[in-house]
Amino acid sequence: MKIKGKHQLVLNAIFSEPVQANIAWHDIESLFIACGGEVSEGSGSRVRVYLNGVRAVFHRPHPQKETDKGAVKSVRRFLSEAEIKP
């Protein structure tokens, strides 16, 4: 699957080295949807994601809107398992 525009920039940022910690969570959720994923609300700040047969649960960052390095690594691992790469 080839994605374009802002989603491609977000995907590149997720897989860049060194790991970035300034990616807006909203942009990551939009990337999941652009790749064909299903995003649903969990309890509290939890977000369930299903993409290419792979399931994951993430926590939305708060009070800030940007993810930390650990969350970006988790998103990277999830996308790799779902066979989504830049």
N, C-alpha and C. Protein backbone atom coordinates (compact mmCIF):
# COMPACT_ATOMS: atom_id res chain seq x y z
N MET A 1 0.84 -1.17 0.00
CA MET A 1 0.00 0.00 0.00
C MET A 1 0.89 1.24 0.00
N LYS A 2 0.58 2.16 -0.86
CA LYS A 2 1.33 3.43 -0.93
C LYS A 2 0.39 4.55 -0.53
N ILE A 3 0.80 5.30 0.48
CA ILE A 3 0.01 6.44 0.92
C ILE A 3 0.71 7.73 0.50
N LYS A 4 -0.03 8.82 0.47
CA LYS A 4 0.53 10.07 -0.02
C LYS A 4 0.35 11.19 0.98
N GLY A 5 1.01 12.29 0.69
CA GLY A 5 0.82 13.52 1.43
C GLY A 5 1.26 13.47 2.87
N LYS A 6 0.44 14.09 3.72
CA LYS A 6 0.78 14.22 5.13
C LYS A 6 0.93 12.87 5.81
N HIS A 7 0.13 11.88 5.39
CA HIS A 7 0.21 10.55 6.00
C HIS A 7 1.59 9.94 5.75
N GLN A 8 2.13 10.15 4.57
CA GLN A 8 3.47 9.63 4.28
C GLN A 8 4.52 10.32 5.14
N LEU A 9 4.36 11.63 5.37
CA LEU A 9 5.29 12.35 6.23
C LEU A 9 5.24 11.82 7.66
N VAL A 10 4.04 11.53 8.15
CA VAL A 10 3.89 10.98 9.50
C VAL A 10 4.53 9.60 9.58
N LEU A 11 4.28 8.77 8.57
CA LEU A 11 4.87 7.43 8.54
C LEU A 11 6.40 7.51 8.54
N ASN A 12 6.95 8.42 7.74
CA ASN A 12 8.40 8.60 7.71
C ASN A 12 8.92 9.05 9.08
N ALA A 13 8.19 9.94 9.74
CA ALA A 13 8.60 10.43 11.07
C ALA A 13 8.59 9.30 12.09
N ILE A 14 7.60 8.42 12.02
CA ILE A 14 7.51 7.30 12.96
C ILE A 14 8.72 6.37 12.83
N PHE A 15 9.16 6.14 11.60
CA PHE A 15 10.26 5.21 11.37
C PHE A 15 11.63 5.89 11.30
N SER A 16 11.69 7.20 11.56
CA SER A 16 12.98 7.89 11.47
C SER A 16 13.86 7.57 12.68
N GLU A 17 15.16 7.71 12.48
CA GLU A 17 16.15 7.54 13.55
C GLU A 17 16.90 8.85 13.70
N PRO A 18 17.12 9.34 14.88
CA PRO A 18 16.65 8.81 16.16
C PRO A 18 15.13 8.97 16.29
N VAL A 19 14.56 8.23 17.22
CA VAL A 19 13.11 8.24 17.42
C VAL A 19 12.66 9.64 17.79
N GLN A 20 11.62 10.12 17.11
CA GLN A 20 11.07 11.44 17.39
C GLN A 20 10.03 11.37 18.50
N ALA A 21 9.90 12.46 19.24
CA ALA A 21 8.92 12.50 20.32
C ALA A 21 7.95 13.66 20.13
N ASN A 22 7.83 14.17 18.93
CA ASN A 22 6.99 15.34 18.72
C ASN A 22 5.90 15.10 17.68
N ILE A 23 5.49 13.87 17.48
CA ILE A 23 4.46 13.55 16.49
C ILE A 23 3.10 13.66 17.16
N ALA A 24 2.21 14.44 16.57
CA ALA A 24 0.88 14.63 17.15
C ALA A 24 0.10 13.32 17.09
N TRP A 25 -0.53 12.96 18.20
CA TRP A 25 -1.28 11.70 18.25
C TRP A 25 -2.41 11.69 17.23
N HIS A 26 -3.05 12.82 17.01
CA HIS A 26 -4.14 12.88 16.02
C HIS A 26 -3.62 12.47 14.63
N ASP A 27 -2.41 12.87 14.29
CA ASP A 27 -1.82 12.51 13.00
C ASP A 27 -1.57 11.01 12.91
N ILE A 28 -1.19 10.39 14.03
CA ILE A 28 -0.96 8.94 14.04
C ILE A 28 -2.29 8.20 13.85
N GLU A 29 -3.34 8.64 14.55
CA GLU A 29 -4.66 8.02 14.37
C GLU A 29 -5.14 8.17 12.93
N SER A 30 -4.92 9.34 12.33
CA SER A 30 -5.31 9.56 10.93
C SER A 30 -4.54 8.63 10.00
N LEU A 31 -3.27 8.38 10.32
CA LEU A 31 -2.46 7.45 9.52
C LEU A 31 -3.04 6.03 9.59
N PHE A 32 -3.43 5.59 10.80
CA PHE A 32 -4.04 4.26 10.93
C PHE A 32 -5.25 4.13 10.00
N ILE A 33 -6.10 5.15 9.99
CA ILE A 33 -7.32 5.12 9.18
C ILE A 33 -6.97 5.16 7.70
N ALA A 34 -5.99 5.98 7.31
CA ALA A 34 -5.58 6.08 5.90
C ALA A 34 -5.02 4.76 5.39
N CYS A 35 -4.46 3.95 6.30
CA CYS A 35 -3.91 2.64 5.92
C CYS A 35 -4.97 1.55 5.93
N GLY A 36 -6.21 1.91 6.23
CA GLY A 36 -7.30 0.94 6.23
C GLY A 36 -7.62 0.38 7.60
N GLY A 37 -7.07 0.97 8.64
CA GLY A 37 -7.29 0.49 9.99
C GLY A 37 -8.61 0.96 10.57
N GLU A 38 -9.04 0.25 11.61
CA GLU A 38 -10.23 0.63 12.37
C GLU A 38 -9.77 1.12 13.74
N VAL A 39 -10.24 2.30 14.11
CA VAL A 39 -9.88 2.90 15.39
C VAL A 39 -11.14 3.04 16.22
N SER A 40 -11.12 2.55 17.45
CA SER A 40 -12.29 2.68 18.32
C SER A 40 -11.85 3.11 19.71
N GLU A 41 -12.78 3.74 20.41
CA GLU A 41 -12.50 4.26 21.74
C GLU A 41 -12.54 3.13 22.77
N GLY A 42 -11.62 3.17 23.68
CA GLY A 42 -11.64 2.28 24.82
C GLY A 42 -12.00 3.09 26.05
N SER A 43 -11.77 2.55 27.21
CA SER A 43 -12.07 3.30 28.43
C SER A 43 -10.93 4.27 28.73
N GLY A 44 -11.28 5.40 29.28
CA GLY A 44 -10.27 6.40 29.59
C GLY A 44 -9.61 6.93 28.34
N SER A 45 -8.29 6.92 28.32
CA SER A 45 -7.55 7.42 27.16
C SER A 45 -7.14 6.31 26.21
N ARG A 46 -7.70 5.13 26.39
CA ARG A 46 -7.33 3.99 25.53
C ARG A 46 -7.96 4.11 24.15
N VAL A 47 -7.19 3.67 23.17
CA VAL A 47 -7.64 3.63 21.78
C VAL A 47 -7.30 2.25 21.24
N ARG A 48 -8.32 1.55 20.71
CA ARG A 48 -8.10 0.23 20.11
C ARG A 48 -7.92 0.41 18.61
N VAL A 49 -6.94 -0.30 18.06
CA VAL A 49 -6.66 -0.20 16.63
C VAL A 49 -6.58 -1.62 16.06
N TYR A 50 -7.22 -1.81 14.90
CA TYR A 50 -7.17 -3.07 14.18
C TYR A 50 -6.72 -2.75 12.76
N LEU A 51 -5.62 -3.35 12.32
CA LEU A 51 -5.06 -3.05 11.01
C LEU A 51 -4.40 -4.30 10.44
N ASN A 52 -4.84 -4.73 9.28
CA ASN A 52 -4.27 -5.89 8.59
C ASN A 52 -4.18 -7.12 9.48
N GLY A 53 -5.22 -7.37 10.27
CA GLY A 53 -5.25 -8.55 11.12
C GLY A 53 -4.50 -8.42 12.43
N VAL A 54 -3.95 -7.26 12.71
CA VAL A 54 -3.19 -7.04 13.93
C VAL A 54 -3.97 -6.07 14.81
N ARG A 55 -4.05 -6.40 16.10
CA ARG A 55 -4.76 -5.55 17.07
C ARG A 55 -3.76 -4.95 18.04
N ALA A 56 -4.08 -3.73 18.49
CA ALA A 56 -3.25 -3.07 19.50
C ALA A 56 -4.11 -2.10 20.29
N VAL A 57 -3.66 -1.82 21.50
CA VAL A 57 -4.30 -0.81 22.33
C VAL A 57 -3.24 0.21 22.70
N PHE A 58 -3.55 1.47 22.46
CA PHE A 58 -2.64 2.56 22.79
C PHE A 58 -3.33 3.50 23.77
N HIS A 59 -2.55 4.31 24.44
CA HIS A 59 -3.07 5.35 25.31
C HIS A 59 -2.80 6.69 24.67
N ARG A 60 -3.86 7.49 24.50
CA ARG A 60 -3.66 8.84 23.98
C ARG A 60 -2.83 9.63 24.99
N PRO A 61 -1.87 10.39 24.48
CA PRO A 61 -1.09 11.21 25.40
C PRO A 61 -1.94 12.35 25.97
N HIS A 62 -1.72 12.68 27.22
CA HIS A 62 -2.41 13.82 27.82
C HIS A 62 -1.58 14.33 28.98
N PRO A 63 -1.54 15.56 29.29
CA PRO A 63 -2.33 16.62 28.69
C PRO A 63 -1.77 17.12 27.36
N GLN A 64 -0.54 16.78 27.03
CA GLN A 64 0.04 17.21 25.75
C GLN A 64 -0.58 16.43 24.60
N LYS A 65 -0.39 16.92 23.38
CA LYS A 65 -0.96 16.28 22.20
C LYS A 65 0.06 15.42 21.46
N GLU A 66 1.34 15.56 21.81
CA GLU A 66 2.39 14.83 21.11
C GLU A 66 2.76 13.56 21.86
N THR A 67 3.21 12.58 21.11
CA THR A 67 3.61 11.30 21.69
C THR A 67 5.02 11.39 22.25
N ASP A 68 5.32 10.49 23.18
CA ASP A 68 6.69 10.40 23.66
C ASP A 68 7.42 9.31 22.87
N LYS A 69 8.70 9.16 23.09
CA LYS A 69 9.51 8.22 22.32
C LYS A 69 9.04 6.77 22.51
N GLY A 70 8.64 6.42 23.72
CA GLY A 70 8.17 5.06 23.97
C GLY A 70 6.92 4.73 23.17
N ALA A 71 6.00 5.69 23.09
CA ALA A 71 4.77 5.47 22.32
C ALA A 71 5.08 5.36 20.82
N VAL A 72 6.00 6.19 20.35
CA VAL A 72 6.37 6.11 18.93
C VAL A 72 6.99 4.75 18.62
N LYS A 73 7.80 4.22 19.53
CA LYS A 73 8.37 2.88 19.33
C LYS A 73 7.28 1.82 19.29
N SER A 74 6.26 1.95 20.13
CA SER A 74 5.15 1.00 20.13
C SER A 74 4.36 1.08 18.83
N VAL A 75 4.12 2.30 18.36
CA VAL A 75 3.40 2.48 17.09
C VAL A 75 4.23 1.89 15.95
N ARG A 76 5.53 2.11 15.97
CA ARG A 76 6.42 1.56 14.94
C ARG A 76 6.35 0.03 14.91
N ARG A 77 6.39 -0.57 16.09
CA ARG A 77 6.32 -2.04 16.19
C ARG A 77 4.97 -2.55 15.66
N PHE A 78 3.88 -1.86 16.03
CA PHE A 78 2.55 -2.24 15.56
C PHE A 78 2.46 -2.14 14.03
N LEU A 79 2.92 -1.04 13.48
CA LEU A 79 2.87 -0.87 12.01
C LEU A 79 3.73 -1.92 11.31
N SER A 80 4.87 -2.26 11.88
CA SER A 80 5.73 -3.30 11.27
C SER A 80 5.01 -4.65 11.27
N GLU A 81 4.35 -4.98 12.39
CA GLU A 81 3.60 -6.24 12.45
C GLU A 81 2.45 -6.24 11.46
N ALA A 82 1.86 -5.07 11.21
CA ALA A 82 0.76 -4.96 10.25
C ALA A 82 1.26 -4.79 8.83
N GLU A 83 2.58 -4.87 8.67
CA GLU A 83 3.24 -4.78 7.37
C GLU A 83 3.01 -3.44 6.68
N ILE A 84 3.08 -2.37 7.48
CA ILE A 84 3.02 -0.99 6.96
C ILE A 84 4.39 -0.39 7.23
N LYS A 85 5.07 -0.02 6.18
CA LYS A 85 6.41 0.57 6.30
C LYS A 85 6.53 1.72 5.30
N PRO A 86 7.45 2.66 5.59
CA PRO A 86 7.60 3.80 4.64
C PRO A 86 8.14 3.37 3.30
